[in-house]
Amino acid sequence: MTQARPDDMERLSRHAFPEPVVLIDAGHGGIDGGTSFQEILEKDINLDISRKLYLLLKSKGYTAALNRSEDYALSDENQWLKNRSRHLRDLAQRKGLSDELTTSIVVSIHVNWANSQKKRGPLVLHQNEGKSAFLAWAIQNALNSLYGTRSLPTLGKPFYLLNHIGYPAVIVETGFLSSPEDRVMLTGSKGQMDVAKVIAAGIMEYFTEI
């Protein structure tokens, strides 16, 4: 499979479906900050990249939806699961939204963490399903081209979101907040836009090839 770069977006803007609906899941939010480094919170990075990805896809004619546009917890507006666990209510809300929107694909944006500062680069997790795996490969290859890495996408077997969504879905770990090199990419406006561009390029490759 060819690697997609930010400047490939024009070439890949023609997609197979008239209006593919891409649900962008900005991971965490509100009281759930995700991983962190000093004052830097994962939830903020996820939202920044997700907003940029949403605008890029819309500019290319894709029907995209963003499950949160501000900093709040999806568990606060849960409609699908009455449970005392805020975490389960949050995940059920994300899953329920995908059912309500007649979704083509779900792309969940996150940031990774490791005990070693040397561990870096993106990782895309997918369902045990062919279209999800293809979407993961397309996005992983695009991100690898940006980061200069050779990571392979991985089956995300234990993840609730991937196990319960009935559409092709992936979790995109955009980099390691624990890595100084990745942190520069993930916290700067230009770096976030570059990440959003290559994720968009991967999504567009999926729709042109599937």
C-alpha atoms as a PDB file:
ATOM      1  CA  MET A   1       0.000   0.000   0.000  1.00  0.00           C
ATOM      2  CA  THR A   2       1.320   3.454  -0.878  1.00  0.00           C
ATOM      3  CA  GLN A   3       2.069   5.929   1.875  1.00  0.00           C
ATOM      4  CA  ALA A   4      -0.079   9.060   1.976  1.00  0.00           C
ATOM      5  CA  ARG A   5       1.497  12.408   2.836  1.00  0.00           C
ATOM      6  CA  PRO A   6      -0.095  15.773   3.602  1.00  0.00           C
ATOM      7  CA  ASP A   7       0.505  16.954   0.030  1.00  0.00           C
ATOM      8  CA  ASP A   8      -1.345  13.884  -1.310  1.00  0.00           C
ATOM      9  CA  MET A   9      -4.705  15.215  -0.112  1.00  0.00           C
ATOM     10  CA  GLU A  10      -5.701  16.719  -3.459  1.00  0.00           C
ATOM     11  CA  ARG A  11      -4.953  13.455  -5.255  1.00  0.00           C
ATOM     12  CA  LEU A  12      -7.062  11.483  -2.782  1.00  0.00           C
ATOM     13  CA  SER A  13      -9.989  13.906  -2.531  1.00  0.00           C
ATOM     14  CA  ARG A  14     -12.147  11.841  -4.939  1.00  0.00           C
ATOM     15  CA  HIS A  15     -13.944   9.239  -2.854  1.00  0.00           C
ATOM     16  CA  ALA A  16     -16.080   6.220  -3.716  1.00  0.00           C
ATOM     17  CA  PHE A  17     -19.225   7.183  -1.786  1.00  0.00           C
ATOM     18  CA  PRO A  18     -21.217  10.384  -2.452  1.00  0.00           C
ATOM     19  CA  GLU A  19     -21.361  11.346   1.216  1.00  0.00           C
ATOM     20  CA  PRO A  20     -19.412   9.035   3.518  1.00  0.00           C
ATOM     21  CA  VAL A  21     -20.164   9.889   7.146  1.00  0.00           C
ATOM     22  CA  VAL A  22     -17.008   9.983   9.234  1.00  0.00           C
ATOM     23  CA  LEU A  23     -17.602  10.113  12.992  1.00  0.00           C
ATOM     24  CA  ILE A  24     -14.592  11.657  14.730  1.00  0.00           C
ATOM     25  CA  ASP A  25     -14.334  10.680  18.382  1.00  0.00           C
ATOM     26  CA  ALA A  26     -12.269  13.194  20.356  1.00  0.00           C
ATOM     27  CA  GLY A  27     -11.068  10.964  23.180  1.00  0.00           C
ATOM     28  CA  HIS A  28     -11.696  11.796  26.854  1.00  0.00           C
ATOM     29  CA  GLY A  29     -13.024  15.207  27.901  1.00  0.00           C
ATOM     30  CA  GLY A  30     -14.329  17.050  30.946  1.00  0.00           C
ATOM     31  CA  ILE A  31     -13.342  15.413  34.214  1.00  0.00           C
ATOM     32  CA  ASP A  32     -11.518  12.704  32.229  1.00  0.00           C
ATOM     33  CA  GLY A  33      -8.272  14.351  31.117  1.00  0.00           C
ATOM     34  CA  GLY A  34      -6.630  11.189  29.802  1.00  0.00           C
ATOM     35  CA  THR A  35      -2.859  10.965  30.085  1.00  0.00           C
ATOM     36  CA  SER A  36      -0.858  14.068  30.970  1.00  0.00           C
ATOM     37  CA  PHE A  37       2.567  15.675  31.146  1.00  0.00           C
ATOM     38  CA  GLN A  38       2.891  18.548  33.595  1.00  0.00           C
ATOM     39  CA  GLU A  39       0.048  20.914  32.600  1.00  0.00           C
ATOM     40  CA  ILE A  40      -0.476  19.261  29.191  1.00  0.00           C
ATOM     41  CA  LEU A  41      -3.632  17.111  29.047  1.00  0.00           C
ATOM     42  CA  GLU A  42      -4.407  14.469  26.453  1.00  0.00           C
ATOM     43  CA  LYS A  43      -8.060  15.540  26.188  1.00  0.00           C
ATOM     44  CA  ASP A  44      -6.999  18.970  24.879  1.00  0.00           C
ATOM     45  CA  ILE A  45      -4.660  17.538  22.240  1.00  0.00           C
ATOM     46  CA  ASN A  46      -7.334  15.070  21.126  1.00  0.00           C
ATOM     47  CA  LEU A  47      -9.855  17.869  20.706  1.00  0.00           C
ATOM     48  CA  ASP A  48      -7.440  20.152  18.839  1.00  0.00           C
ATOM     49  CA  ILE A  49      -6.473  17.442  16.338  1.00  0.00           C
ATOM     50  CA  SER A  50     -10.089  16.269  15.988  1.00  0.00           C
ATOM     51  CA  ARG A  51     -11.312  19.778  15.188  1.00  0.00           C
ATOM     52  CA  LYS A  52      -8.644  20.174  12.526  1.00  0.00           C
ATOM     53  CA  LEU A  53      -9.436  16.754  11.072  1.00  0.00           C
ATOM     54  CA  TYR A  54     -13.144  17.626  10.971  1.00  0.00           C
ATOM     55  CA  LEU A  55     -12.516  20.854   9.059  1.00  0.00           C
ATOM     56  CA  LEU A  56     -10.135  19.153   6.619  1.00  0.00           C
ATOM     57  CA  LEU A  57     -12.625  16.405   5.791  1.00  0.00           C
ATOM     58  CA  LYS A  58     -15.471  18.902   5.408  1.00  0.00           C
ATOM     59  CA  SER A  59     -13.329  20.991   3.061  1.00  0.00           C
ATOM     60  CA  LYS A  60     -12.911  17.898   0.853  1.00  0.00           C
ATOM     61  CA  GLY A  61     -16.657  17.259   0.645  1.00  0.00           C
ATOM     62  CA  TYR A  62     -16.946  14.537   3.264  1.00  0.00           C
ATOM     63  CA  THR A  63     -19.839  14.426   5.689  1.00  0.00           C
ATOM     64  CA  ALA A  64     -18.089  14.448   9.050  1.00  0.00           C
ATOM     65  CA  ALA A  65     -19.370  14.625  12.614  1.00  0.00           C
ATOM     66  CA  LEU A  66     -17.421  15.514  15.764  1.00  0.00           C
ATOM     67  CA  ASN A  67     -18.765  13.961  18.943  1.00  0.00           C
ATOM     68  CA  ARG A  68     -17.609  16.841  21.140  1.00  0.00           C
ATOM     69  CA  SER A  69     -16.609  20.326  20.069  1.00  0.00           C
ATOM     70  CA  GLU A  70     -15.671  21.607  23.532  1.00  0.00           C
ATOM     71  CA  ASP A  71     -14.172  20.283  26.755  1.00  0.00           C
ATOM     72  CA  TYR A  72     -16.899  18.217  28.386  1.00  0.00           C
ATOM     73  CA  ALA A  73     -17.451  14.587  29.346  1.00  0.00           C
ATOM     74  CA  LEU A  74     -19.780  12.614  27.096  1.00  0.00           C
ATOM     75  CA  SER A  75     -20.895  10.649  30.168  1.00  0.00           C
ATOM     76  CA  ASP A  76     -22.741  13.795  31.342  1.00  0.00           C
ATOM     77  CA  GLU A  77     -25.217  13.539  28.446  1.00  0.00           C
ATOM     78  CA  ASN A  78     -25.504   9.750  28.253  1.00  0.00           C
ATOM     79  CA  GLN A  79     -28.751   8.497  26.758  1.00  0.00           C
ATOM     80  CA  TRP A  80     -28.032   4.808  26.240  1.00  0.00           C
ATOM     81  CA  LEU A  81     -26.691   3.316  29.486  1.00  0.00           C
ATOM     82  CA  LYS A  82     -27.914   3.909  33.023  1.00  0.00           C
ATOM     83  CA  ASN A  83     -24.924   2.874  35.073  1.00  0.00           C
ATOM     84  CA  ARG A  84     -23.073   4.338  38.067  1.00  0.00           C
ATOM     85  CA  SER A  85     -19.748   4.000  36.232  1.00  0.00           C
ATOM     86  CA  ARG A  86     -18.899   7.306  34.535  1.00  0.00           C
ATOM     87  CA  HIS A  87     -16.386   5.486  32.323  1.00  0.00           C
ATOM     88  CA  LEU A  88     -18.977   2.996  31.027  1.00  0.00           C
ATOM     89  CA  ARG A  89     -21.528   5.780  30.472  1.00  0.00           C
ATOM     90  CA  ASP A  90     -18.914   7.693  28.483  1.00  0.00           C
ATOM     91  CA  LEU A  91     -18.094   4.702  26.268  1.00  0.00           C
ATOM     92  CA  ALA A  92     -21.767   3.850  25.761  1.00  0.00           C
ATOM     93  CA  GLN A  93     -22.445   7.431  24.663  1.00  0.00           C
ATOM     94  CA  ARG A  94     -19.660   7.223  22.070  1.00  0.00           C
ATOM     95  CA  LYS A  95     -21.014   3.901  20.791  1.00  0.00           C
ATOM     96  CA  GLY A  96     -24.605   5.170  20.775  1.00  0.00           C
ATOM     97  CA  LEU A  97     -23.725   8.209  18.711  1.00  0.00           C
ATOM     98  CA  SER A  98     -22.257   5.976  16.006  1.00  0.00           C
ATOM     99  CA  ASP A  99     -25.548   4.077  15.777  1.00  0.00           C
ATOM    100  CA  GLU A 100     -27.624   7.249  15.627  1.00  0.00           C
ATOM    101  CA  LEU A 101     -25.675   8.853  12.772  1.00  0.00           C
ATOM    102  CA  THR A 102     -25.696   6.019  10.193  1.00  0.00           C
ATOM    103  CA  THR A 103     -21.932   6.086  10.341  1.00  0.00           C
ATOM    104  CA  SER A 104     -19.564   4.846   7.628  1.00  0.00           C
ATOM    105  CA  ILE A 105     -16.456   4.786   9.825  1.00  0.00           C
ATOM    106  CA  VAL A 106     -15.432   5.850  13.325  1.00  0.00           C
ATOM    107  CA  VAL A 107     -12.006   7.376  13.982  1.00  0.00           C
ATOM    108  CA  SER A 108     -11.187   7.806  17.665  1.00  0.00           C
ATOM    109  CA  ILE A 109      -8.317  10.212  18.407  1.00  0.00           C
ATOM    110  CA  HIS A 110      -6.049   9.605  21.407  1.00  0.00           C
ATOM    111  CA  VAL A 111      -2.509  10.196  22.703  1.00  0.00           C
ATOM    112  CA  ASN A 112      -0.288   7.426  24.061  1.00  0.00           C
ATOM    113  CA  TRP A 113       2.032   7.166  27.085  1.00  0.00           C
ATOM    114  CA  ALA A 114       5.012   4.940  27.968  1.00  0.00           C
ATOM    115  CA  ASN A 115       7.385   4.703  30.905  1.00  0.00           C
ATOM    116  CA  SER A 116      10.339   5.145  28.555  1.00  0.00           C
ATOM    117  CA  GLN A 117      10.897   8.503  26.847  1.00  0.00           C
ATOM    118  CA  LYS A 118      12.509   6.633  23.948  1.00  0.00           C
ATOM    119  CA  LYS A 119       9.243   5.027  22.885  1.00  0.00           C
ATOM    120  CA  ARG A 120       7.619   7.222  20.255  1.00  0.00           C
ATOM    121  CA  GLY A 121       5.472   7.312  17.164  1.00  0.00           C
ATOM    122  CA  PRO A 122       1.866   6.637  16.187  1.00  0.00           C
ATOM    123  CA  LEU A 123      -0.106   3.426  16.638  1.00  0.00           C
ATOM    124  CA  VAL A 124      -3.481   2.605  15.080  1.00  0.00           C
ATOM    125  CA  LEU A 125      -5.701  -0.050  16.682  1.00  0.00           C
ATOM    126  CA  HIS A 126      -8.419  -1.826  14.708  1.00  0.00           C
ATOM    127  CA  GLN A 127     -11.286  -4.276  15.023  1.00  0.00           C
ATOM    128  CA  ASN A 128     -11.088  -7.928  14.039  1.00  0.00           C
ATOM    129  CA  GLU A 129     -12.709  -7.037  10.725  1.00  0.00           C
ATOM    130  CA  GLY A 130     -11.375  -6.440   7.217  1.00  0.00           C
ATOM    131  CA  LYS A 131     -12.535  -2.871   6.546  1.00  0.00           C
ATOM    132  CA  SER A 132     -11.377  -1.697   9.967  1.00  0.00           C
ATOM    133  CA  ALA A 133      -7.988  -3.318   9.379  1.00  0.00           C
ATOM    134  CA  PHE A 134      -7.678  -1.660   5.955  1.00  0.00           C
ATOM    135  CA  LEU A 135      -8.588   1.735   7.437  1.00  0.00           C
ATOM    136  CA  ALA A 136      -5.971   1.206  10.151  1.00  0.00           C
ATOM    137  CA  TRP A 137      -3.281   0.346   7.586  1.00  0.00           C
ATOM    138  CA  ALA A 138      -4.084   3.429   5.513  1.00  0.00           C
ATOM    139  CA  ILE A 139      -3.914   5.774   8.517  1.00  0.00           C
ATOM    140  CA  GLN A 140      -0.875   4.027  10.030  1.00  0.00           C
ATOM    141  CA  ASN A 141       1.099   4.303   6.785  1.00  0.00           C
ATOM    142  CA  ALA A 142       0.203   7.979   6.471  1.00  0.00           C
ATOM    143  CA  LEU A 143       1.281   8.690  10.051  1.00  0.00           C
ATOM    144  CA  ASN A 144       4.475   6.667   9.619  1.00  0.00           C
ATOM    145  CA  SER A 145       5.415   8.875   6.694  1.00  0.00           C
ATOM    146  CA  LEU A 146       5.048  11.944   8.912  1.00  0.00           C
ATOM    147  CA  TYR A 147       6.875  10.552  11.951  1.00  0.00           C
ATOM    148  CA  GLY A 148       9.531   8.601  10.062  1.00  0.00           C
ATOM    149  CA  THR A 149       8.462   5.383  11.797  1.00  0.00           C
ATOM    150  CA  ARG A 150       7.634   1.857  10.636  1.00  0.00           C
ATOM    151  CA  SER A 151       4.948   0.876  13.130  1.00  0.00           C
ATOM    152  CA  LEU A 152       2.306  -1.667  12.188  1.00  0.00           C
ATOM    153  CA  PRO A 153      -1.379  -1.350  13.108  1.00  0.00           C
ATOM    154  CA  THR A 154      -2.522  -3.627  15.923  1.00  0.00           C
ATOM    155  CA  LEU A 155      -5.695  -5.539  16.746  1.00  0.00           C
ATOM    156  CA  GLY A 156      -7.328  -3.614  19.599  1.00  0.00           C
ATOM    157  CA  LYS A 157      -8.971  -6.642  21.163  1.00  0.00           C
ATOM    158  CA  PRO A 158      -9.603  -5.351  24.723  1.00  0.00           C
ATOM    159  CA  PHE A 159     -11.020  -1.944  23.786  1.00  0.00           C
ATOM    160  CA  TYR A 160     -14.751  -1.381  24.451  1.00  0.00           C
ATOM    161  CA  LEU A 161     -15.163   1.067  21.578  1.00  0.00           C
ATOM    162  CA  LEU A 162     -13.789  -1.356  18.988  1.00  0.00           C
ATOM    163  CA  ASN A 163     -15.735  -4.310  20.375  1.00  0.00           C
ATOM    164  CA  HIS A 164     -19.137  -2.613  20.504  1.00  0.00           C
ATOM    165  CA  ILE A 165     -19.304  -0.382  17.420  1.00  0.00           C
ATOM    166  CA  GLY A 166     -20.926  -2.073  14.445  1.00  0.00           C
ATOM    167  CA  TYR A 167     -19.095  -0.005  11.817  1.00  0.00           C
ATOM    168  CA  PRO A 168     -15.443  -0.038  10.744  1.00  0.00           C
ATOM    169  CA  ALA A 169     -13.676   1.761  13.580  1.00  0.00           C
ATOM    170  CA  VAL A 170     -10.103   2.533  14.621  1.00  0.00           C
ATOM    171  CA  ILE A 171      -8.376   4.109  17.596  1.00  0.00           C
ATOM    172  CA  VAL A 172      -5.571   6.419  16.489  1.00  0.00           C
ATOM    173  CA  GLU A 173      -2.854   6.899  19.110  1.00  0.00           C
ATOM    174  CA  THR A 174      -1.272   9.953  17.496  1.00  0.00           C
ATOM    175  CA  GLY A 175       2.008   9.751  19.427  1.00  0.00           C
ATOM    176  CA  PHE A 176       3.494   9.460  22.902  1.00  0.00           C
ATOM    177  CA  LEU A 177       3.081  12.398  25.261  1.00  0.00           C
ATOM    178  CA  SER A 178       5.941  10.853  27.252  1.00  0.00           C
ATOM    179  CA  SER A 179       8.300  11.314  24.275  1.00  0.00           C
ATOM    180  CA  PRO A 180       9.918  14.772  24.042  1.00  0.00           C
ATOM    181  CA  GLU A 181      10.028  14.478  20.252  1.00  0.00           C
ATOM    182  CA  ASP A 182       6.392  13.459  19.890  1.00  0.00           C
ATOM    183  CA  ARG A 183       5.340  16.063  22.462  1.00  0.00           C
ATOM    184  CA  VAL A 184       6.638  18.870  20.229  1.00  0.00           C
ATOM    185  CA  MET A 185       4.534  17.519  17.355  1.00  0.00           C
ATOM    186  CA  LEU A 186       1.398  17.011  19.442  1.00  0.00           C
ATOM    187  CA  THR A 187       1.340  20.338  21.273  1.00  0.00           C
ATOM    188  CA  GLY A 188       2.192  22.766  18.457  1.00  0.00           C
ATOM    189  CA  SER A 189      -0.474  24.072  16.093  1.00  0.00           C
ATOM    190  CA  LYS A 190       1.567  23.177  12.988  1.00  0.00           C
ATOM    191  CA  GLY A 191       2.340  19.689  14.271  1.00  0.00           C
ATOM    192  CA  GLN A 192      -1.312  19.077  15.101  1.00  0.00           C
ATOM    193  CA  MET A 193      -2.314  20.209  11.617  1.00  0.00           C
ATOM    194  CA  ASP A 194       0.279  17.905  10.032  1.00  0.00           C
ATOM    195  CA  VAL A 195      -1.102  15.000  12.074  1.00  0.00           C
ATOM    196  CA  ALA A 196      -4.674  15.875  11.080  1.00  0.00           C
ATOM    197  CA  LYS A 197      -3.663  16.127   7.406  1.00  0.00           C
ATOM    198  CA  VAL A 198      -2.117  12.681   7.228  1.00  0.00           C
ATOM    199  CA  ILE A 199      -5.018  11.091   9.135  1.00  0.00           C
ATOM    200  CA  ALA A 200      -7.357  12.743   6.625  1.00  0.00           C
ATOM    201  CA  ALA A 201      -5.201  11.434   3.770  1.00  0.00           C
ATOM    202  CA  GLY A 202      -5.425   7.913   5.219  1.00  0.00           C
ATOM    203  CA  ILE A 203      -9.212   8.188   5.512  1.00  0.00           C
ATOM    204  CA  MET A 204      -9.477   9.404   1.925  1.00  0.00           C
ATOM    205  CA  GLU A 205      -7.290   6.539   0.724  1.00  0.00           C
ATOM    206  CA  TYR A 206      -9.642   4.133   2.497  1.00  0.00           C
ATOM    207  CA  PHE A 207     -12.661   5.532   0.654  1.00  0.00           C
ATOM    208  CA  THR A 208     -10.915   5.491  -2.729  1.00  0.00           C
ATOM    209  CA  GLU A 209      -9.729   1.885  -2.380  1.00  0.00           C
ATOM    210  CA  ILE A 210     -12.419   0.068  -0.389  1.00  0.00           C
END
